[in-house]
Amino acid sequence: MAAVEPPAHLQYTVEHEWLDSGSPATVGITSVAADALGDIVYLELPTVGDQVTAGAVIGEVESTKSVSELFSPVSGTVVEVNQAAVDDPSVVNSDPYGAGWLLRVDVTETGTLLSAEEYAGLNPA
């Protein structure tokens, strides 16, 4: 699957996570990351109630090619984990900005985030 243009309404990290800054905020990985990883076969995510810190490792994404760390774009408390994605990680490949979201966080602080345009500039097609 080719990487999809990053949606303009989201914010991004240099580590290829995206953030929808709703309340709670939704976190996922970008199509660039999903494409680079290949077929995703396993997700290790924090659990509901866990405290996460912006910039810190909060889990792993495992594919048939490699294992990549997942970094939190925000600090706060995990309020929901996408169990459907844990049960079928391939949804992250097929719909990284939709059904393939990973977790929702009650945010207390945001880390360094990029606009879609800034993120796209880091990852030219």
PDB file of N, CA and C in Angstrom:
ATOM      1  N   MET A   1       0.845  -1.190   0.000  1.00  0.00           N
ATOM      2  CA  MET A   1       0.000   0.000   0.000  1.00  0.00           C
ATOM      3  C   MET A   1       0.881   1.242   0.000  1.00  0.00           C
ATOM      4  N   ALA A   2       0.605   2.172  -0.847  1.00  0.00           N
ATOM      5  CA  ALA A   2       1.365   3.416  -0.887  1.00  0.00           C
ATOM      6  C   ALA A   2       0.887   4.331   0.234  1.00  0.00           C
ATOM      7  N   ALA A   3       1.802   5.120   0.749  1.00  0.00           N
ATOM      8  CA  ALA A   3       1.455   6.051   1.818  1.00  0.00           C
ATOM      9  C   ALA A   3       0.407   7.041   1.322  1.00  0.00           C
ATOM     10  N   VAL A   4      -0.500   7.382   2.211  1.00  0.00           N
ATOM     11  CA  VAL A   4      -1.591   8.312   1.911  1.00  0.00           C
ATOM     12  C   VAL A   4      -1.171   9.709   2.357  1.00  0.00           C
ATOM     13  N   GLU A   5      -1.610  10.714   1.627  1.00  0.00           N
ATOM     14  CA  GLU A   5      -1.358  12.106   2.024  1.00  0.00           C
ATOM     15  C   GLU A   5      -1.837  12.301   3.463  1.00  0.00           C
ATOM     16  N   PRO A   6      -1.029  12.902   4.336  1.00  0.00           N
ATOM     17  CA  PRO A   6      -1.472  13.061   5.722  1.00  0.00           C
ATOM     18  C   PRO A   6      -2.681  13.997   5.831  1.00  0.00           C
ATOM     19  N   PRO A   7      -3.746  13.553   6.491  1.00  0.00           N
ATOM     20  CA  PRO A   7      -4.926  14.414   6.643  1.00  0.00           C
ATOM     21  C   PRO A   7      -4.570  15.742   7.330  1.00  0.00           C
ATOM     22  N   ALA A   8      -5.083  16.830   6.773  1.00  0.00           N
ATOM     23  CA  ALA A   8      -4.731  18.166   7.251  1.00  0.00           C
ATOM     24  C   ALA A   8      -5.235  18.462   8.656  1.00  0.00           C
ATOM     25  N   HIS A   9      -6.308  17.799   9.096  1.00  0.00           N
ATOM     26  CA  HIS A   9      -6.882  18.109  10.412  1.00  0.00           C
ATOM     27  C   HIS A   9      -6.124  17.441  11.569  1.00  0.00           C
ATOM     28  N   LEU A  10      -5.154  16.588  11.257  1.00  0.00           N
ATOM     29  CA  LEU A  10      -4.384  15.908  12.303  1.00  0.00           C
ATOM     30  C   LEU A  10      -3.049  16.597  12.519  1.00  0.00           C
ATOM     31  N   GLN A  11      -2.413  16.268  13.664  1.00  0.00           N
ATOM     32  CA  GLN A  11      -1.053  16.719  13.951  1.00  0.00           C
ATOM     33  C   GLN A  11      -0.170  15.475  14.010  1.00  0.00           C
ATOM     34  N   TYR A  12       1.146  15.665  13.840  1.00  0.00           N
ATOM     35  CA  TYR A  12       2.057  14.542  13.654  1.00  0.00           C
ATOM     36  C   TYR A  12       3.329  14.694  14.483  1.00  0.00           C
ATOM     37  N   THR A  13       4.000  13.554  14.695  1.00  0.00           N
ATOM     38  CA  THR A  13       5.313  13.563  15.334  1.00  0.00           C
ATOM     39  C   THR A  13       6.355  13.152  14.301  1.00  0.00           C
ATOM     40  N   VAL A  14       7.609  13.462  14.569  1.00  0.00           N
ATOM     41  CA  VAL A  14       8.672  13.035  13.654  1.00  0.00           C
ATOM     42  C   VAL A  14       8.827  11.516  13.677  1.00  0.00           C
ATOM     43  N   GLU A  15       8.294  10.853  14.704  1.00  0.00           N
ATOM     44  CA  GLU A  15       8.351   9.388  14.805  1.00  0.00           C
ATOM     45  C   GLU A  15       7.183   8.709  14.089  1.00  0.00           C
ATOM     46  N   HIS A  16       6.363   9.474  13.375  1.00  0.00           N
ATOM     47  CA  HIS A  16       5.275   8.954  12.532  1.00  0.00           C
ATOM     48  C   HIS A  16       4.012   8.555  13.296  1.00  0.00           C
ATOM     49  N   GLU A  17       3.748   9.203  14.413  1.00  0.00           N
ATOM     50  CA  GLU A  17       2.444   9.052  15.065  1.00  0.00           C
ATOM     51  C   GLU A  17       1.580  10.241  14.666  1.00  0.00           C
ATOM     52  N   TRP A  18       0.264  10.036  14.694  1.00  0.00           N
ATOM     53  CA  TRP A  18      -0.656  11.141  14.447  1.00  0.00           C
ATOM     54  C   TRP A  18      -1.533  11.350  15.679  1.00  0.00           C
ATOM     55  N   LEU A  19      -2.062  12.564  15.775  1.00  0.00           N
ATOM     56  CA  LEU A  19      -2.903  12.943  16.906  1.00  0.00           C
ATOM     57  C   LEU A  19      -4.096  13.729  16.390  1.00  0.00           C
ATOM     58  N   ASP A  20      -5.296  13.280  16.795  1.00  0.00           N
ATOM     59  CA  ASP A  20      -6.521  14.040  16.576  1.00  0.00           C
ATOM     60  C   ASP A  20      -6.816  14.652  17.933  1.00  0.00           C
ATOM     61  N   SER A  21      -6.639  15.952  18.050  1.00  0.00           N
ATOM     62  CA  SER A  21      -6.672  16.587  19.368  1.00  0.00           C
ATOM     63  C   SER A  21      -8.076  16.833  19.903  1.00  0.00           C
ATOM     64  N   GLY A  22      -8.976  15.869  19.681  1.00  0.00           N
ATOM     65  CA  GLY A  22     -10.301  15.947  20.288  1.00  0.00           C
ATOM     66  C   GLY A  22     -10.190  15.689  21.786  1.00  0.00           C
ATOM     67  N   SER A  23     -11.318  15.495  22.433  1.00  0.00           N
ATOM     68  CA  SER A  23     -11.296  15.194  23.861  1.00  0.00           C
ATOM     69  C   SER A  23     -12.148  13.954  24.106  1.00  0.00           C
ATOM     70  N   PRO A  24     -11.560  12.793  24.357  1.00  0.00           N
ATOM     71  CA  PRO A  24     -10.115  12.557  24.469  1.00  0.00           C
ATOM     72  C   PRO A  24      -9.438  12.583  23.095  1.00  0.00           C
ATOM     73  N   ALA A  25      -8.116  12.743  23.098  1.00  0.00           N
ATOM     74  CA  ALA A  25      -7.337  12.767  21.867  1.00  0.00           C
ATOM     75  C   ALA A  25      -7.114  11.342  21.369  1.00  0.00           C
ATOM     76  N   THR A  26      -7.163  11.169  20.055  1.00  0.00           N
ATOM     77  CA  THR A  26      -6.947   9.864  19.440  1.00  0.00           C
ATOM     78  C   THR A  26      -5.538   9.822  18.857  1.00  0.00           C
ATOM     79  N   VAL A  27      -4.854   8.678  19.044  1.00  0.00           N
ATOM     80  CA  VAL A  27      -3.476   8.493  18.585  1.00  0.00           C
ATOM     81  C   VAL A  27      -3.419   7.292  17.653  1.00  0.00           C
ATOM     82  N   GLY A  28      -2.624   7.417  16.591  1.00  0.00           N
ATOM     83  CA  GLY A  28      -2.387   6.308  15.678  1.00  0.00           C
ATOM     84  C   GLY A  28      -1.032   6.465  15.027  1.00  0.00           C
ATOM     85  N   ILE A  29      -0.726   5.570  14.081  1.00  0.00           N
ATOM     86  CA  ILE A  29       0.506   5.732  13.305  1.00  0.00           C
ATOM     87  C   ILE A  29       0.132   6.118  11.889  1.00  0.00           C
ATOM     88  N   THR A  30       1.028   6.829  11.234  1.00  0.00           N
ATOM     89  CA  THR A  30       0.751   7.347   9.895  1.00  0.00           C
ATOM     90  C   THR A  30       0.850   6.257   8.835  1.00  0.00           C
ATOM     91  N   SER A  31       0.327   6.574   7.664  1.00  0.00           N
ATOM     92  CA  SER A  31       0.433   5.637   6.543  1.00  0.00           C
ATOM     93  C   SER A  31       1.889   5.456   6.127  1.00  0.00           C
ATOM     94  N   VAL A  32       2.725   6.482   6.342  1.00  0.00           N
ATOM     95  CA  VAL A  32       4.156   6.359   6.047  1.00  0.00           C
ATOM     96  C   VAL A  32       4.757   5.248   6.909  1.00  0.00           C
ATOM     97  N   ALA A  33       4.429   5.260   8.210  1.00  0.00           N
ATOM     98  CA  ALA A  33       4.938   4.223   9.117  1.00  0.00           C
ATOM     99  C   ALA A  33       4.366   2.861   8.770  1.00  0.00           C
ATOM    100  N   ALA A  34       3.062   2.800   8.529  1.00  0.00           N
ATOM    101  CA  ALA A  34       2.427   1.521   8.211  1.00  0.00           C
ATOM    102  C   ALA A  34       3.007   0.929   6.926  1.00  0.00           C
ATOM    103  N   ASP A  35       3.253   1.782   5.935  1.00  0.00           N
ATOM    104  CA  ASP A  35       3.818   1.330   4.668  1.00  0.00           C
ATOM    105  C   ASP A  35       5.254   0.836   4.865  1.00  0.00           C
ATOM    106  N   ALA A  36       6.045   1.580   5.651  1.00  0.00           N
ATOM    107  CA  ALA A  36       7.435   1.199   5.894  1.00  0.00           C
ATOM    108  C   ALA A  36       7.530  -0.118   6.666  1.00  0.00           C
ATOM    109  N   LEU A  37       6.604  -0.327   7.600  1.00  0.00           N
ATOM    110  CA  LEU A  37       6.625  -1.548   8.407  1.00  0.00           C
ATOM    111  C   LEU A  37       6.213  -2.770   7.605  1.00  0.00           C
ATOM    112  N   GLY A  38       5.333  -2.596   6.645  1.00  0.00           N
ATOM    113  CA  GLY A  38       4.789  -3.745   5.922  1.00  0.00           C
ATOM    114  C   GLY A  38       3.601  -4.306   6.684  1.00  0.00           C
ATOM    115  N   ASP A  39       3.343  -5.597   6.522  1.00  0.00           N
ATOM    116  CA  ASP A  39       2.164  -6.212   7.127  1.00  0.00           C
ATOM    117  C   ASP A  39       2.286  -6.252   8.651  1.00  0.00           C
ATOM    118  N   ILE A  40       1.449  -5.470   9.328  1.00  0.00           N
ATOM    119  CA  ILE A  40       1.472  -5.403  10.790  1.00  0.00           C
ATOM    120  C   ILE A  40       0.755  -6.630  11.342  1.00  0.00           C
ATOM    121  N   VAL A  41       1.442  -7.339  12.265  1.00  0.00           N
ATOM    122  CA  VAL A  41       0.902  -8.592  12.791  1.00  0.00           C
ATOM    123  C   VAL A  41       0.631  -8.559  14.293  1.00  0.00           C
ATOM    124  N   TYR A  42       1.171  -7.552  15.003  1.00  0.00           N
ATOM    125  CA  TYR A  42       0.991  -7.507  16.453  1.00  0.00           C
ATOM    126  C   TYR A  42       1.128  -6.077  16.954  1.00  0.00           C
ATOM    127  N   LEU A  43       0.275  -5.717  17.896  1.00  0.00           N
ATOM    128  CA  LEU A  43       0.349  -4.409  18.551  1.00  0.00           C
ATOM    129  C   LEU A  43       0.494  -4.609  20.050  1.00  0.00           C
ATOM    130  N   GLU A  44       1.465  -3.941  20.642  1.00  0.00           N
ATOM    131  CA  GLU A  44       1.597  -3.903  22.098  1.00  0.00           C
ATOM    132  C   GLU A  44       1.292  -2.468  22.513  1.00  0.00           C
ATOM    133  N   LEU A  45       0.159  -2.293  23.187  1.00  0.00           N
ATOM    134  CA  LEU A  45      -0.307  -0.957  23.548  1.00  0.00           C
ATOM    135  C   LEU A  45      -0.448  -0.839  25.057  1.00  0.00           C
ATOM    136  N   PRO A  46      -0.433   0.397  25.572  1.00  0.00           N
ATOM    137  CA  PRO A  46      -0.690   0.567  27.002  1.00  0.00           C
ATOM    138  C   PRO A  46      -2.126   0.156  27.327  1.00  0.00           C
ATOM    139  N   THR A  47      -2.435   0.025  28.599  1.00  0.00           N
ATOM    140  CA  THR A  47      -3.785  -0.360  28.994  1.00  0.00           C
ATOM    141  C   THR A  47      -4.532   0.859  29.539  1.00  0.00           C
ATOM    142  N   VAL A  48      -5.848   0.750  29.562  1.00  0.00           N
ATOM    143  CA  VAL A  48      -6.683   1.832  30.094  1.00  0.00           C
ATOM    144  C   VAL A  48      -6.245   2.133  31.523  1.00  0.00           C
ATOM    145  N   GLY A  49      -6.064   3.418  31.814  1.00  0.00           N
ATOM    146  CA  GLY A  49      -5.619   3.849  33.134  1.00  0.00           C
ATOM    147  C   GLY A  49      -4.138   4.147  33.202  1.00  0.00           C
ATOM    148  N   ASP A  50      -3.364   3.660  32.218  1.00  0.00           N
ATOM    149  CA  ASP A  50      -1.923   3.933  32.204  1.00  0.00           C
ATOM    150  C   ASP A  50      -1.664   5.416  31.969  1.00  0.00           C
ATOM    151  N   GLN A  51      -0.616   5.920  32.593  1.00  0.00           N
ATOM    152  CA  GLN A  51      -0.147   7.279  32.345  1.00  0.00           C
ATOM    153  C   GLN A  51       0.886   7.214  31.229  1.00  0.00           C
ATOM    154  N   VAL A  52       0.756   8.095  30.236  1.00  0.00           N
ATOM    155  CA  VAL A  52       1.737   8.173  29.164  1.00  0.00           C
ATOM    156  C   VAL A  52       2.381   9.554  29.182  1.00  0.00           C
ATOM    157  N   THR A  53       3.605   9.615  28.671  1.00  0.00           N
ATOM    158  CA  THR A  53       4.364  10.861  28.662  1.00  0.00           C
ATOM    159  C   THR A  53       4.764  11.198  27.234  1.00  0.00           C
ATOM    160  N   ALA A  54       4.556  12.444  26.845  1.00  0.00           N
ATOM    161  CA  ALA A  54       4.904  12.885  25.494  1.00  0.00           C
ATOM    162  C   ALA A  54       6.360  12.565  25.198  1.00  0.00           C
ATOM    163  N   GLY A  55       6.597  11.913  24.056  1.00  0.00           N
ATOM    164  CA  GLY A  55       7.951  11.571  23.635  1.00  0.00           C
ATOM    165  C   GLY A  55       8.456  10.242  24.152  1.00  0.00           C
ATOM    166  N   ALA A  56       7.724   9.630  25.101  1.00  0.00           N
ATOM    167  CA  ALA A  56       8.158   8.362  25.687  1.00  0.00           C
ATOM    168  C   ALA A  56       7.584   7.178  24.922  1.00  0.00           C
ATOM    169  N   VAL A  57       8.295   6.055  24.977  1.00  0.00           N
ATOM    170  CA  VAL A  57       7.822   4.824  24.340  1.00  0.00           C
ATOM    171  C   VAL A  57       6.611   4.308  25.115  1.00  0.00           C
ATOM    172  N   ILE A  58       5.535   3.988  24.376  1.00  0.00           N
ATOM    173  CA  ILE A  58       4.314   3.485  25.023  1.00  0.00           C
ATOM    174  C   ILE A  58       3.889   2.121  24.503  1.00  0.00           C
ATOM    175  N   GLY A  59       4.651   1.573  23.558  1.00  0.00           N
ATOM    176  CA  GLY A  59       4.295   0.264  23.027  1.00  0.00           C
ATOM    177  C   GLY A  59       5.144  -0.081  21.831  1.00  0.00           C
ATOM    178  N   GLU A  60       4.716  -1.143  21.138  1.00  0.00           N
ATOM    179  CA  GLU A  60       5.433  -1.603  19.958  1.00  0.00           C
ATOM    180  C   GLU A  60       4.453  -1.996  18.860  1.00  0.00           C
ATOM    181  N   VAL A  61       4.911  -1.819  17.641  1.00  0.00           N
ATOM    182  CA  VAL A  61       4.182  -2.261  16.470  1.00  0.00           C
ATOM    183  C   VAL A  61       5.088  -3.279  15.780  1.00  0.00           C
ATOM    184  N   GLU A  62       4.590  -4.504  15.652  1.00  0.00           N
ATOM    185  CA  GLU A  62       5.401  -5.570  15.061  1.00  0.00           C
ATOM    186  C   GLU A  62       4.828  -5.940  13.700  1.00  0.00           C
ATOM    187  N   SER A  63       5.730  -6.052  12.721  1.00  0.00           N
ATOM    188  CA  SER A  63       5.321  -6.449  11.375  1.00  0.00           C
ATOM    189  C   SER A  63       6.115  -7.669  10.957  1.00  0.00           C
ATOM    190  N   THR A  64       5.824  -8.132   9.758  1.00  0.00           N
ATOM    191  CA  THR A  64       6.566  -9.281   9.238  1.00  0.00           C
ATOM    192  C   THR A  64       8.018  -8.909   8.965  1.00  0.00           C
ATOM    193  N   LYS A  65       8.314  -7.594   8.876  1.00  0.00           N
ATOM    194  CA  LYS A  65       9.673  -7.134   8.575  1.00  0.00           C
ATOM    195  C   LYS A  65      10.453  -6.679   9.799  1.00  0.00           C
ATOM    196  N   SER A  66       9.779  -6.081  10.783  1.00  0.00           N
ATOM    197  CA  SER A  66      10.518  -5.490  11.903  1.00  0.00           C
ATOM    198  C   SER A  66       9.595  -5.176  13.080  1.00  0.00           C
ATOM    199  N   VAL A  67      10.216  -4.699  14.146  1.00  0.00           N
ATOM    200  CA  VAL A  67       9.487  -4.212  15.316  1.00  0.00           C
ATOM    201  C   VAL A  67       9.841  -2.739  15.474  1.00  0.00           C
ATOM    202  N   SER A  68       8.849  -1.906  15.675  1.00  0.00           N
ATOM    203  CA  SER A  68       9.070  -0.475  15.824  1.00  0.00           C
ATOM    204  C   SER A  68       8.425   0.003  17.118  1.00  0.00           C
ATOM    205  N   GLU A  69       9.114   0.900  17.810  1.00  0.00           N
ATOM    206  CA  GLU A  69       8.558   1.454  19.041  1.00  0.00           C
ATOM    207  C   GLU A  69       7.475   2.477  18.699  1.00  0.00           C
ATOM    208  N   LEU A  70       6.494   2.561  19.577  1.00  0.00           N
ATOM    209  CA  LEU A  70       5.412   3.531  19.457  1.00  0.00           C
ATOM    210  C   LEU A  70       5.651   4.599  20.523  1.00  0.00           C
ATOM    211  N   PHE A  71       5.673   5.856  20.088  1.00  0.00           N
ATOM    212  CA  PHE A  71       5.926   6.977  20.990  1.00  0.00           C
ATOM    213  C   PHE A  71       4.639   7.766  21.207  1.00  0.00           C
ATOM    214  N   SER A  72       4.445   8.264  22.417  1.00  0.00           N
ATOM    215  CA  SER A  72       3.255   9.055  22.696  1.00  0.00           C
ATOM    216  C   SER A  72       3.466  10.504  22.263  1.00  0.00           C
ATOM    217  N   PRO A  73       2.516  11.067  21.517  1.00  0.00           N
ATOM    218  CA  PRO A  73       2.613  12.483  21.159  1.00  0.00           C
ATOM    219  C   PRO A  73       2.139  13.413  22.278  1.00  0.00           C
ATOM    220  N   VAL A  74       1.560  12.826  23.328  1.00  0.00           N
ATOM    221  CA  VAL A  74       0.990  13.618  24.418  1.00  0.00           C
ATOM    222  C   VAL A  74       1.267  12.967  25.776  1.00  0.00           C
ATOM    223  N   SER A  75       1.064  13.749  26.821  1.00  0.00           N
ATOM    224  CA  SER A  75       1.062  13.221  28.186  1.00  0.00           C
ATOM    225  C   SER A  75      -0.375  13.169  28.662  1.00  0.00           C
ATOM    226  N   GLY A  76      -0.679  12.158  29.467  1.00  0.00           N
ATOM    227  CA  GLY A  76      -2.032  12.044  29.995  1.00  0.00           C
ATOM    228  C   GLY A  76      -2.352  10.621  30.388  1.00  0.00           C
ATOM    229  N   THR A  77      -3.650  10.330  30.502  1.00  0.00           N
ATOM    230  CA  THR A  77      -4.140   9.026  30.922  1.00  0.00           C
ATOM    231  C   THR A  77      -4.835   8.327  29.766  1.00  0.00           C
ATOM    232  N   VAL A  78      -4.473   7.071  29.533  1.00  0.00           N
ATOM    233  CA  VAL A  78      -5.123   6.280  28.483  1.00  0.00           C
ATOM    234  C   VAL A  78      -6.548   5.980  28.931  1.00  0.00           C
ATOM    235  N   VAL A  79      -7.526   6.353  28.097  1.00  0.00           N
ATOM    236  CA  VAL A  79      -8.933   6.123  28.441  1.00  0.00           C
ATOM    237  C   VAL A  79      -9.587   5.064  27.563  1.00  0.00           C
ATOM    238  N   GLU A  80      -8.938   4.716  26.434  1.00  0.00           N
ATOM    239  CA  GLU A  80      -9.489   3.686  25.559  1.00  0.00           C
ATOM    240  C   GLU A  80      -8.375   3.136  24.679  1.00  0.00           C
ATOM    241  N   VAL A  81      -8.437   1.834  24.427  1.00  0.00           N
ATOM    242  CA  VAL A  81      -7.526   1.165  23.499  1.00  0.00           C
ATOM    243  C   VAL A  81      -8.393   0.537  22.411  1.00  0.00           C
ATOM    244  N   ASN A  82      -7.947   0.614  21.166  1.00  0.00           N
ATOM    245  CA  ASN A  82      -8.704   0.070  20.042  1.00  0.00           C
ATOM    246  C   ASN A  82      -8.538  -1.451  20.017  1.00  0.00           C
ATOM    247  N   GLN A  83      -9.433  -2.147  20.697  1.00  0.00           N
ATOM    248  CA  GLN A  83      -9.355  -3.614  20.794  1.00  0.00           C
ATOM    249  C   GLN A  83      -9.499  -4.270  19.425  1.00  0.00           C
ATOM    250  N   ALA A  84     -10.270  -3.658  18.529  1.00  0.00           N
ATOM    251  CA  ALA A  84     -10.423  -4.217  17.186  1.00  0.00           C
ATOM    252  C   ALA A  84      -9.083  -4.242  16.453  1.00  0.00           C
ATOM    253  N   ALA A  85      -8.257  -3.213  16.648  1.00  0.00           N
ATOM    254  CA  ALA A  85      -6.929  -3.177  16.018  1.00  0.00           C
ATOM    255  C   ALA A  85      -5.984  -4.169  16.688  1.00  0.00           C
ATOM    256  N   VAL A  86      -6.102  -4.349  17.999  1.00  0.00           N
ATOM    257  CA  VAL A  86      -5.279  -5.346  18.701  1.00  0.00           C
ATOM    258  C   VAL A  86      -5.637  -6.741  18.187  1.00  0.00           C
ATOM    259  N   ASP A  87      -6.932  -6.997  18.014  1.00  0.00           N
ATOM    260  CA  ASP A  87      -7.397  -8.303  17.543  1.00  0.00           C
ATOM    261  C   ASP A  87      -7.038  -8.550  16.081  1.00  0.00           C
ATOM    262  N   ASP A  88      -7.038  -7.501  15.257  1.00  0.00           N
ATOM    263  CA  ASP A  88      -6.716  -7.617  13.834  1.00  0.00           C
ATOM    264  C   ASP A  88      -5.827  -6.443  13.429  1.00  0.00           C
ATOM    265  N   PRO A  89      -4.504  -6.547  13.710  1.00  0.00           N
ATOM    266  CA  PRO A  89      -3.593  -5.424  13.449  1.00  0.00           C
ATOM    267  C   PRO A  89      -3.509  -4.994  11.989  1.00  0.00           C
ATOM    268  N   SER A  90      -3.959  -5.836  11.055  1.00  0.00           N
ATOM    269  CA  SER A  90      -3.895  -5.462   9.635  1.00  0.00           C
ATOM    270  C   SER A  90      -4.754  -4.229   9.337  1.00  0.00           C
ATOM    271  N   VAL A  91      -5.714  -3.916  10.205  1.00  0.00           N
ATOM    272  CA  VAL A  91      -6.551  -2.721  10.007  1.00  0.00           C
ATOM    273  C   VAL A  91      -5.699  -1.454  10.056  1.00  0.00           C
ATOM    274  N   VAL A  92      -4.564  -1.501  10.767  1.00  0.00           N
ATOM    275  CA  VAL A  92      -3.668  -0.343  10.815  1.00  0.00           C
ATOM    276  C   VAL A  92      -3.061  -0.105   9.428  1.00  0.00           C
ATOM    277  N   ASN A  93      -2.770  -1.176   8.695  1.00  0.00           N
ATOM    278  CA  ASN A  93      -2.265  -1.038   7.327  1.00  0.00           C
ATOM    279  C   ASN A  93      -3.348  -0.533   6.382  1.00  0.00           C
ATOM    280  N   SER A  94      -4.547  -1.074   6.497  1.00  0.00           N
ATOM    281  CA  SER A  94      -5.601  -0.757   5.541  1.00  0.00           C
ATOM    282  C   SER A  94      -6.288   0.582   5.809  1.00  0.00           C
ATOM    283  N   ASP A  95      -6.320   1.038   7.051  1.00  0.00           N
ATOM    284  CA  ASP A  95      -7.018   2.289   7.388  1.00  0.00           C
ATOM    285  C   ASP A  95      -6.335   2.981   8.565  1.00  0.00           C
ATOM    286  N   PRO A  96      -5.068   3.451   8.378  1.00  0.00           N
ATOM    287  CA  PRO A  96      -4.312   4.000   9.507  1.00  0.00           C
ATOM    288  C   PRO A  96      -4.922   5.246  10.140  1.00  0.00           C
ATOM    289  N   TYR A  97      -5.677   6.034   9.357  1.00  0.00           N
ATOM    290  CA  TYR A  97      -6.264   7.270   9.893  1.00  0.00           C
ATOM    291  C   TYR A  97      -7.720   7.110  10.306  1.00  0.00           C
ATOM    292  N   GLY A  98      -8.258   5.893  10.181  1.00  0.00           N
ATOM    293  CA  GLY A  98      -9.653   5.646  10.526  1.00  0.00           C
ATOM    294  C   GLY A  98      -9.762   4.521  11.520  1.00  0.00           C
ATOM    295  N   ALA A  99     -10.234   3.364  11.054  1.00  0.00           N
ATOM    296  CA  ALA A  99     -10.452   2.211  11.936  1.00  0.00           C
ATOM    297  C   ALA A  99      -9.174   1.709  12.589  1.00  0.00           C
ATOM    298  N   GLY A 100      -8.001   2.089  12.041  1.00  0.00           N
ATOM    299  CA  GLY A 100      -6.722   1.636  12.593  1.00  0.00           C
ATOM    300  C   GLY A 100      -6.139   2.522  13.683  1.00  0.00           C
ATOM    301  N   TRP A 101      -6.956   3.408  14.266  1.00  0.00           N
ATOM    302  CA  TRP A 101      -6.454   4.205  15.399  1.00  0.00           C
ATOM    303  C   TRP A 101      -6.018   3.260  16.515  1.00  0.00           C
ATOM    304  N   LEU A 102      -5.144   3.739  17.419  1.00  0.00           N
ATOM    305  CA  LEU A 102      -4.574   2.853  18.439  1.00  0.00           C
ATOM    306  C   LEU A 102      -5.106   3.099  19.847  1.00  0.00           C
ATOM    307  N   LEU A 103      -5.122   4.352  20.299  1.00  0.00           N
ATOM    308  CA  LEU A 103      -5.586   4.620  21.650  1.00  0.00           C
ATOM    309  C   LEU A 103      -6.113   6.030  21.774  1.00  0.00           C
ATOM    310  N   ARG A 104      -6.853   6.244  22.873  1.00  0.00           N
ATOM    311  CA  ARG A 104      -7.368   7.580  23.178  1.00  0.00           C
ATOM    312  C   ARG A 104      -6.846   7.979  24.548  1.00  0.00           C
ATOM    313  N   VAL A 105      -6.464   9.253  24.644  1.00  0.00           N
ATOM    314  CA  VAL A 105      -5.796   9.752  25.843  1.00  0.00           C
ATOM    315  C   VAL A 105      -6.493  11.016  26.328  1.00  0.00           C
ATOM    316  N   ASP A 106      -6.715  11.084  27.647  1.00  0.00           N
ATOM    317  CA  ASP A 106      -7.164  12.316  28.296  1.00  0.00           C
ATOM    318  C   ASP A 106      -5.899  13.146  28.504  1.00  0.00           C
ATOM    319  N   VAL A 107      -5.702  14.153  27.673  1.00  0.00           N
ATOM    320  CA  VAL A 107      -4.436  14.868  27.561  1.00  0.00           C
ATOM    321  C   VAL A 107      -4.239  15.899  28.664  1.00  0.00           C
ATOM    322  N   THR A 108      -3.040  15.894  29.265  1.00  0.00           N
ATOM    323  CA  THR A 108      -2.650  16.935  30.208  1.00  0.00           C
ATOM    324  C   THR A 108      -1.604  17.861  29.597  1.00  0.00           C
ATOM    325  N   GLU A 109      -0.873  17.355  28.592  1.00  0.00           N
ATOM    326  CA  GLU A 109       0.171  18.155  27.943  1.00  0.00           C
ATOM    327  C   GLU A 109       0.489  17.538  26.585  1.00  0.00           C
ATOM    328  N   THR A 110       0.759  18.392  25.605  1.00  0.00           N
ATOM    329  CA  THR A 110       1.153  17.877  24.291  1.00  0.00           C
ATOM    330  C   THR A 110       2.659  17.995  24.127  1.00  0.00           C
ATOM    331  N   GLY A 111       3.198  17.113  23.306  1.00  0.00           N
ATOM    332  CA  GLY A 111       4.614  17.179  22.970  1.00  0.00           C
ATOM    333  C   GLY A 111       4.795  18.061  21.741  1.00  0.00           C
ATOM    334  N   THR A 112       5.943  17.944  21.102  1.00  0.00           N
ATOM    335  CA  THR A 112       6.225  18.691  19.887  1.00  0.00           C
ATOM    336  C   THR A 112       5.474  18.056  18.729  1.00  0.00           C
ATOM    337  N   LEU A 113       4.602  18.821  18.112  1.00  0.00           N
ATOM    338  CA  LEU A 113       3.761  18.300  17.028  1.00  0.00           C
ATOM    339  C   LEU A 113       3.970  19.105  15.754  1.00  0.00           C
ATOM    340  N   LEU A 114       3.744  18.433  14.636  1.00  0.00           N
ATOM    341  CA  LEU A 114       3.896  19.047  13.324  1.00  0.00           C
ATOM    342  C   LEU A 114       2.541  19.131  12.638  1.00  0.00           C
ATOM    343  N   SER A 115       2.387  20.119  11.767  1.00  0.00           N
ATOM    344  CA  SER A 115       1.189  20.187  10.929  1.00  0.00           C
ATOM    345  C   SER A 115       1.336  19.136   9.833  1.00  0.00           C
ATOM    346  N   ALA A 116       0.259  18.881   9.108  1.00  0.00           N
ATOM    347  CA  ALA A 116       0.299  17.918   7.997  1.00  0.00           C
ATOM    348  C   ALA A 116       1.325  18.359   6.962  1.00  0.00           C
ATOM    349  N   GLU A 117       1.376  19.660   6.696  1.00  0.00           N
ATOM    350  CA  GLU A 117       2.327  20.188   5.705  1.00  0.00           C
ATOM    351  C   GLU A 117       3.771  19.987   6.177  1.00  0.00           C
ATOM    352  N   GLU A 118       4.027  20.272   7.447  1.00  0.00           N
ATOM    353  CA  GLU A 118       5.379  20.074   7.995  1.00  0.00           C
ATOM    354  C   GLU A 118       5.761  18.606   7.964  1.00  0.00           C
ATOM    355  N   TYR A 119       4.823  17.722   8.340  1.00  0.00           N
ATOM    356  CA  TYR A 119       5.095  16.289   8.344  1.00  0.00           C
ATOM    357  C   TYR A 119       5.361  15.790   6.926  1.00  0.00           C
ATOM    358  N   ALA A 120       4.547  16.214   5.975  1.00  0.00           N
ATOM    359  CA  ALA A 120       4.738  15.803   4.577  1.00  0.00           C
ATOM    360  C   ALA A 120       6.108  16.256   4.053  1.00  0.00           C
ATOM    361  N   GLY A 121       6.579  17.404   4.526  1.00  0.00           N
ATOM    362  CA  GLY A 121       7.900  17.905   4.118  1.00  0.00           C
ATOM    363  C   GLY A 121       9.028  17.018   4.607  1.00  0.00           C
ATOM    364  N   LEU A 122       8.810  16.308   5.695  1.00  0.00           N
ATOM    365  CA  LEU A 122       9.828  15.387   6.221  1.00  0.00           C
ATOM    366  C   LEU A 122       9.863  14.082   5.439  1.00  0.00           C
ATOM    367  N   ASN A 123       8.759  13.783   4.771  1.00  0.00           N
ATOM    368  CA  ASN A 123       8.595  12.486   4.101  1.00  0.00           C
ATOM    369  C   ASN A 123       8.151  12.675   2.664  1.00  0.00           C
ATOM    370  N   PRO A 124       9.013  13.253   1.832  1.00  0.00           N
ATOM    371  CA  PRO A 124       8.596  13.496   0.444  1.00  0.00           C
ATOM    372  C   PRO A 124       8.261  12.186  -0.261  1.00  0.00           C
ATOM    373  N   ALA A 125       7.276  12.238  -1.118  1.00  0.00           N
ATOM    374  CA  ALA A 125       6.815  11.039  -1.833  1.00  0.00           C
ATOM    375  C   ALA A 125       7.850  10.539  -2.827  1.00  0.00           C
TER     376      ALA A 125
END
